[in-house]
Amino acid sequence: MAKTEITDFVAGAIQTRSIFGLTLGSPSTAFDKVFDGDSCVEEVDKHKRTMRRDYGLFETGFTRHVEGEWRCFSLIVSVHRLRWEKALPRIIDYGNDDIPSTVRFSDLTRSLAVRGEELAPSGPQFHDFRSFTAGSGARVTVIAEDFDDLLREGCVWNVQL
């Protein structure tokens, strides 16, 4: 997956509020099928009502429903984690070394514009991060001042679907 492909992937996720067909409300078993064989960090709260899974590039939150099934309530694309190769699930990392370590906000807005989607500033704007909301309802957080040598001003931090 090359630079434009990962940027287009993120833009598609923003537009559809989904990744690989997974959306808010999807059962945890659907995530198991998509990320088959990928390890994740899984944490269940002491009351066994919420569960968090961290797949590296993707972070999810689930709530347990009456029937005992876990349903997704939070789906985040942690774009800043592209810098770590081990953060990429196999469904993204096709053994391709061309995956960029960052996604520029300017590239993302261009890809969204082609799809007819726009981002508008939203929420509190902090000195180190800026927040934007898409027409789809997805929220994008962008670095507003240099974080380190790689994550610079104008890089996408994460996308909350």
C-alpha atoms as a PDB file:
ATOM      1  CA  MET A   1       0.000   0.000   0.000  1.00  0.00           C
ATOM      2  CA  ALA A   2       1.695   3.209  -1.174  1.00  0.00           C
ATOM      3  CA  LYS A   3       1.277   6.791   0.056  1.00  0.00           C
ATOM      4  CA  THR A   4      -1.777   7.573  -2.067  1.00  0.00           C
ATOM      5  CA  GLU A   5      -3.326   4.221  -1.252  1.00  0.00           C
ATOM      6  CA  ILE A   6      -3.080   4.676   2.527  1.00  0.00           C
ATOM      7  CA  THR A   7      -4.350   8.263   2.209  1.00  0.00           C
ATOM      8  CA  ASP A   8      -7.248   7.061   0.072  1.00  0.00           C
ATOM      9  CA  PHE A   9      -7.905   4.251   2.552  1.00  0.00           C
ATOM     10  CA  VAL A  10      -8.171   6.786   5.401  1.00  0.00           C
ATOM     11  CA  ALA A  11     -10.376   9.059   3.241  1.00  0.00           C
ATOM     12  CA  GLY A  12     -12.640   6.112   2.424  1.00  0.00           C
ATOM     13  CA  ALA A  13     -12.880   5.235   6.110  1.00  0.00           C
ATOM     14  CA  ILE A  14     -13.892   8.826   6.890  1.00  0.00           C
ATOM     15  CA  GLN A  15     -16.491   8.896   4.130  1.00  0.00           C
ATOM     16  CA  THR A  16     -18.069   5.538   5.020  1.00  0.00           C
ATOM     17  CA  ARG A  17     -17.232   5.508   8.741  1.00  0.00           C
ATOM     18  CA  SER A  18     -16.013   1.966   8.278  1.00  0.00           C
ATOM     19  CA  ILE A  19     -12.870  -0.121   7.781  1.00  0.00           C
ATOM     20  CA  PHE A  20     -13.038  -3.348   5.787  1.00  0.00           C
ATOM     21  CA  GLY A  21     -16.828  -3.312   6.214  1.00  0.00           C
ATOM     22  CA  LEU A  22     -16.599  -2.957  10.005  1.00  0.00           C
ATOM     23  CA  THR A  23     -18.601  -0.116  11.558  1.00  0.00           C
ATOM     24  CA  LEU A  24     -19.855   1.100  14.887  1.00  0.00           C
ATOM     25  CA  GLY A  25     -22.290  -1.592  16.008  1.00  0.00           C
ATOM     26  CA  SER A  26     -20.367  -4.463  14.393  1.00  0.00           C
ATOM     27  CA  PRO A  27     -19.943  -7.505  16.645  1.00  0.00           C
ATOM     28  CA  SER A  28     -16.489  -8.447  17.932  1.00  0.00           C
ATOM     29  CA  THR A  29     -16.765 -11.704  15.972  1.00  0.00           C
ATOM     30  CA  ALA A  30     -16.750  -9.683  12.729  1.00  0.00           C
ATOM     31  CA  PHE A  31     -13.467  -8.079  13.832  1.00  0.00           C
ATOM     32  CA  ASP A  32     -12.093 -11.565  14.563  1.00  0.00           C
ATOM     33  CA  LYS A  33     -12.826 -12.593  10.966  1.00  0.00           C
ATOM     34  CA  VAL A  34     -11.285  -9.475   9.384  1.00  0.00           C
ATOM     35  CA  PHE A  35      -8.174  -9.487  11.576  1.00  0.00           C
ATOM     36  CA  ASP A  36      -7.872 -13.275  11.528  1.00  0.00           C
ATOM     37  CA  GLY A  37      -4.530 -14.230  12.981  1.00  0.00           C
ATOM     38  CA  ASP A  38      -3.515 -10.697  13.924  1.00  0.00           C
ATOM     39  CA  SER A  39      -2.728 -10.309  17.552  1.00  0.00           C
ATOM     40  CA  CYS A  40      -4.290  -7.569  19.598  1.00  0.00           C
ATOM     41  CA  VAL A  41      -4.160  -6.296  23.126  1.00  0.00           C
ATOM     42  CA  GLU A  42      -7.526  -6.988  24.697  1.00  0.00           C
ATOM     43  CA  GLU A  43      -8.672  -5.482  27.974  1.00  0.00           C
ATOM     44  CA  VAL A  44     -12.029  -6.190  29.616  1.00  0.00           C
ATOM     45  CA  ASP A  45     -13.166  -3.973  32.489  1.00  0.00           C
ATOM     46  CA  LYS A  46     -13.648  -5.600  35.896  1.00  0.00           C
ATOM     47  CA  HIS A  47     -17.450  -5.570  35.505  1.00  0.00           C
ATOM     48  CA  LYS A  48     -17.175  -7.256  32.086  1.00  0.00           C
ATOM     49  CA  ARG A  49     -19.300  -4.562  30.448  1.00  0.00           C
ATOM     50  CA  THR A  50     -16.727  -2.941  28.177  1.00  0.00           C
ATOM     51  CA  MET A  51     -13.795  -4.291  26.224  1.00  0.00           C
ATOM     52  CA  ARG A  52     -10.994  -2.510  24.416  1.00  0.00           C
ATOM     53  CA  ARG A  53      -8.962  -4.043  21.618  1.00  0.00           C
ATOM     54  CA  ASP A  54      -5.819  -2.503  20.227  1.00  0.00           C
ATOM     55  CA  TYR A  55      -4.794  -3.858  16.829  1.00  0.00           C
ATOM     56  CA  GLY A  56      -1.978  -1.324  16.426  1.00  0.00           C
ATOM     57  CA  LEU A  57      -3.261   0.889  13.636  1.00  0.00           C
ATOM     58  CA  PHE A  58      -6.859   0.344  14.777  1.00  0.00           C
ATOM     59  CA  GLU A  59      -8.280   0.756  18.276  1.00  0.00           C
ATOM     60  CA  THR A  60     -11.755  -0.458  19.124  1.00  0.00           C
ATOM     61  CA  GLY A  61     -14.128  -0.303  22.064  1.00  0.00           C
ATOM     62  CA  PHE A  62     -16.970  -2.753  22.662  1.00  0.00           C
ATOM     63  CA  THR A  63     -19.905  -2.992  25.044  1.00  0.00           C
ATOM     64  CA  ARG A  64     -21.519  -6.248  26.064  1.00  0.00           C
ATOM     65  CA  HIS A  65     -25.157  -6.504  25.016  1.00  0.00           C
ATOM     66  CA  VAL A  66     -27.899  -8.398  26.787  1.00  0.00           C
ATOM     67  CA  GLU A  67     -27.443 -11.428  24.578  1.00  0.00           C
ATOM     68  CA  GLY A  68     -23.754 -11.544  25.601  1.00  0.00           C
ATOM     69  CA  GLU A  69     -22.426 -10.322  22.276  1.00  0.00           C
ATOM     70  CA  TRP A  70     -19.814  -7.569  22.199  1.00  0.00           C
ATOM     71  CA  ARG A  71     -20.769  -4.618  19.928  1.00  0.00           C
ATOM     72  CA  CYS A  72     -18.392  -1.908  18.723  1.00  0.00           C
ATOM     73  CA  PHE A  73     -19.000   1.587  20.113  1.00  0.00           C
ATOM     74  CA  SER A  74     -15.625   3.124  19.268  1.00  0.00           C
ATOM     75  CA  LEU A  75     -13.513   2.701  16.136  1.00  0.00           C
ATOM     76  CA  ILE A  76     -10.313   4.721  15.773  1.00  0.00           C
ATOM     77  CA  VAL A  77      -7.707   4.700  13.025  1.00  0.00           C
ATOM     78  CA  SER A  78      -4.508   5.648  14.876  1.00  0.00           C
ATOM     79  CA  VAL A  79      -2.763   7.100  11.827  1.00  0.00           C
ATOM     80  CA  HIS A  80       0.249   8.247  13.870  1.00  0.00           C
ATOM     81  CA  ARG A  81       1.124   4.586  14.425  1.00  0.00           C
ATOM     82  CA  LEU A  82       2.019   4.097  10.751  1.00  0.00           C
ATOM     83  CA  ARG A  83       5.544   4.962  11.829  1.00  0.00           C
ATOM     84  CA  TRP A  84       5.846   1.552  13.495  1.00  0.00           C
ATOM     85  CA  GLU A  85       5.779  -1.308  11.030  1.00  0.00           C
ATOM     86  CA  LYS A  86       4.649  -3.771  13.700  1.00  0.00           C
ATOM     87  CA  ALA A  87       1.477  -1.700  14.180  1.00  0.00           C
ATOM     88  CA  LEU A  88       0.178  -2.718  10.753  1.00  0.00           C
ATOM     89  CA  PRO A  89      -2.271  -5.598  10.608  1.00  0.00           C
ATOM     90  CA  ARG A  90      -1.725  -8.090   7.796  1.00  0.00           C
ATOM     91  CA  ILE A  91      -4.817  -6.885   5.954  1.00  0.00           C
ATOM     92  CA  ILE A  92      -2.943  -3.576   5.361  1.00  0.00           C
ATOM     93  CA  ASP A  93       0.683  -4.682   5.291  1.00  0.00           C
ATOM     94  CA  TYR A  94       0.896  -6.728   2.146  1.00  0.00           C
ATOM     95  CA  GLY A  95       4.663  -7.087   2.631  1.00  0.00           C
ATOM     96  CA  ASN A  96       4.981  -3.716   0.938  1.00  0.00           C
ATOM     97  CA  ASP A  97       7.743  -1.406   2.119  1.00  0.00           C
ATOM     98  CA  ASP A  98       6.046   1.593   0.447  1.00  0.00           C
ATOM     99  CA  ILE A  99       3.667   2.309   3.314  1.00  0.00           C
ATOM    100  CA  PRO A 100       4.363   5.871   4.453  1.00  0.00           C
ATOM    101  CA  SER A 101       5.007   6.634   8.093  1.00  0.00           C
ATOM    102  CA  THR A 102       2.666   9.658   8.088  1.00  0.00           C
ATOM    103  CA  VAL A 103      -0.430  10.992   6.318  1.00  0.00           C
ATOM    104  CA  ARG A 104      -0.434  14.700   5.577  1.00  0.00           C
ATOM    105  CA  PHE A 105      -3.673  16.567   6.286  1.00  0.00           C
ATOM    106  CA  SER A 106      -3.367  18.396   2.958  1.00  0.00           C
ATOM    107  CA  ASP A 107      -3.201  15.056   1.085  1.00  0.00           C
ATOM    108  CA  LEU A 108      -6.156  13.743   3.049  1.00  0.00           C
ATOM    109  CA  THR A 109      -8.331  16.802   2.340  1.00  0.00           C
ATOM    110  CA  ARG A 110      -7.543  16.465  -1.384  1.00  0.00           C
ATOM    111  CA  SER A 111      -8.562  12.805  -1.345  1.00  0.00           C
ATOM    112  CA  LEU A 112     -11.747  13.675   0.541  1.00  0.00           C
ATOM    113  CA  ALA A 113     -12.581  16.518  -1.874  1.00  0.00           C
ATOM    114  CA  VAL A 114     -12.495  14.059  -4.786  1.00  0.00           C
ATOM    115  CA  ARG A 115     -15.118  12.055  -2.873  1.00  0.00           C
ATOM    116  CA  GLY A 116     -17.251  15.155  -2.263  1.00  0.00           C
ATOM    117  CA  GLU A 117     -16.407  15.182   1.454  1.00  0.00           C
ATOM    118  CA  GLU A 118     -15.216  18.211   3.401  1.00  0.00           C
ATOM    119  CA  LEU A 119     -13.745  18.697   6.850  1.00  0.00           C
ATOM    120  CA  ALA A 120     -14.785  21.595   9.081  1.00  0.00           C
ATOM    121  CA  PRO A 121     -12.989  22.757  12.242  1.00  0.00           C
ATOM    122  CA  SER A 122     -14.780  21.445  15.322  1.00  0.00           C
ATOM    123  CA  GLY A 123     -14.507  21.224  19.056  1.00  0.00           C
ATOM    124  CA  PRO A 124     -11.828  22.864  21.142  1.00  0.00           C
ATOM    125  CA  GLN A 125      -8.644  23.723  19.281  1.00  0.00           C
ATOM    126  CA  PHE A 126      -5.554  23.150  21.371  1.00  0.00           C
ATOM    127  CA  HIS A 127      -2.063  24.480  20.747  1.00  0.00           C
ATOM    128  CA  ASP A 128      -0.752  21.033  19.798  1.00  0.00           C
ATOM    129  CA  PHE A 129      -3.784  19.488  18.014  1.00  0.00           C
ATOM    130  CA  ARG A 130      -6.614  20.664  15.744  1.00  0.00           C
ATOM    131  CA  SER A 131      -9.949  18.877  15.388  1.00  0.00           C
ATOM    132  CA  PHE A 132     -12.116  18.565  12.291  1.00  0.00           C
ATOM    133  CA  THR A 133     -15.422  16.853  11.556  1.00  0.00           C
ATOM    134  CA  ALA A 134     -16.472  15.385   8.233  1.00  0.00           C
ATOM    135  CA  GLY A 135     -19.993  15.491   6.847  1.00  0.00           C
ATOM    136  CA  SER A 136     -20.165  11.764   7.641  1.00  0.00           C
ATOM    137  CA  GLY A 137     -19.620  12.547  11.326  1.00  0.00           C
ATOM    138  CA  ALA A 138     -16.100  11.131  11.483  1.00  0.00           C
ATOM    139  CA  ARG A 139     -13.633  13.258  13.447  1.00  0.00           C
ATOM    140  CA  VAL A 140     -10.041  13.925  12.418  1.00  0.00           C
ATOM    141  CA  THR A 141      -7.290  15.099  14.769  1.00  0.00           C
ATOM    142  CA  VAL A 142      -4.287  16.838  13.206  1.00  0.00           C
ATOM    143  CA  ILE A 143      -0.955  17.769  14.767  1.00  0.00           C
ATOM    144  CA  ALA A 144      -0.756  21.571  15.104  1.00  0.00           C
ATOM    145  CA  GLU A 145       2.900  21.813  16.126  1.00  0.00           C
ATOM    146  CA  ASP A 146       5.840  19.495  15.592  1.00  0.00           C
ATOM    147  CA  PHE A 147       5.661  16.427  17.815  1.00  0.00           C
ATOM    148  CA  ASP A 148       9.050  14.978  16.872  1.00  0.00           C
ATOM    149  CA  ASP A 149      11.248  14.608  13.785  1.00  0.00           C
ATOM    150  CA  LEU A 150       8.643  12.494  11.993  1.00  0.00           C
ATOM    151  CA  LEU A 151       5.274  13.643  13.280  1.00  0.00           C
ATOM    152  CA  ARG A 152       5.262  17.236  12.168  1.00  0.00           C
ATOM    153  CA  GLU A 153       2.692  19.993  11.993  1.00  0.00           C
ATOM    154  CA  GLY A 154       0.030  19.056   9.460  1.00  0.00           C
ATOM    155  CA  CYS A 155       0.215  15.277   9.991  1.00  0.00           C
ATOM    156  CA  VAL A 156      -2.954  13.372  10.827  1.00  0.00           C
ATOM    157  CA  TRP A 157      -2.897  11.965  14.372  1.00  0.00           C
ATOM    158  CA  ASN A 158      -6.059   9.862  14.293  1.00  0.00           C
ATOM    159  CA  VAL A 159      -9.540   9.444  12.864  1.00  0.00           C
ATOM    160  CA  GLN A 160     -12.473   8.605  15.095  1.00  0.00           C
ATOM    161  CA  LEU A 161     -15.157   6.901  13.076  1.00  0.00           C
END
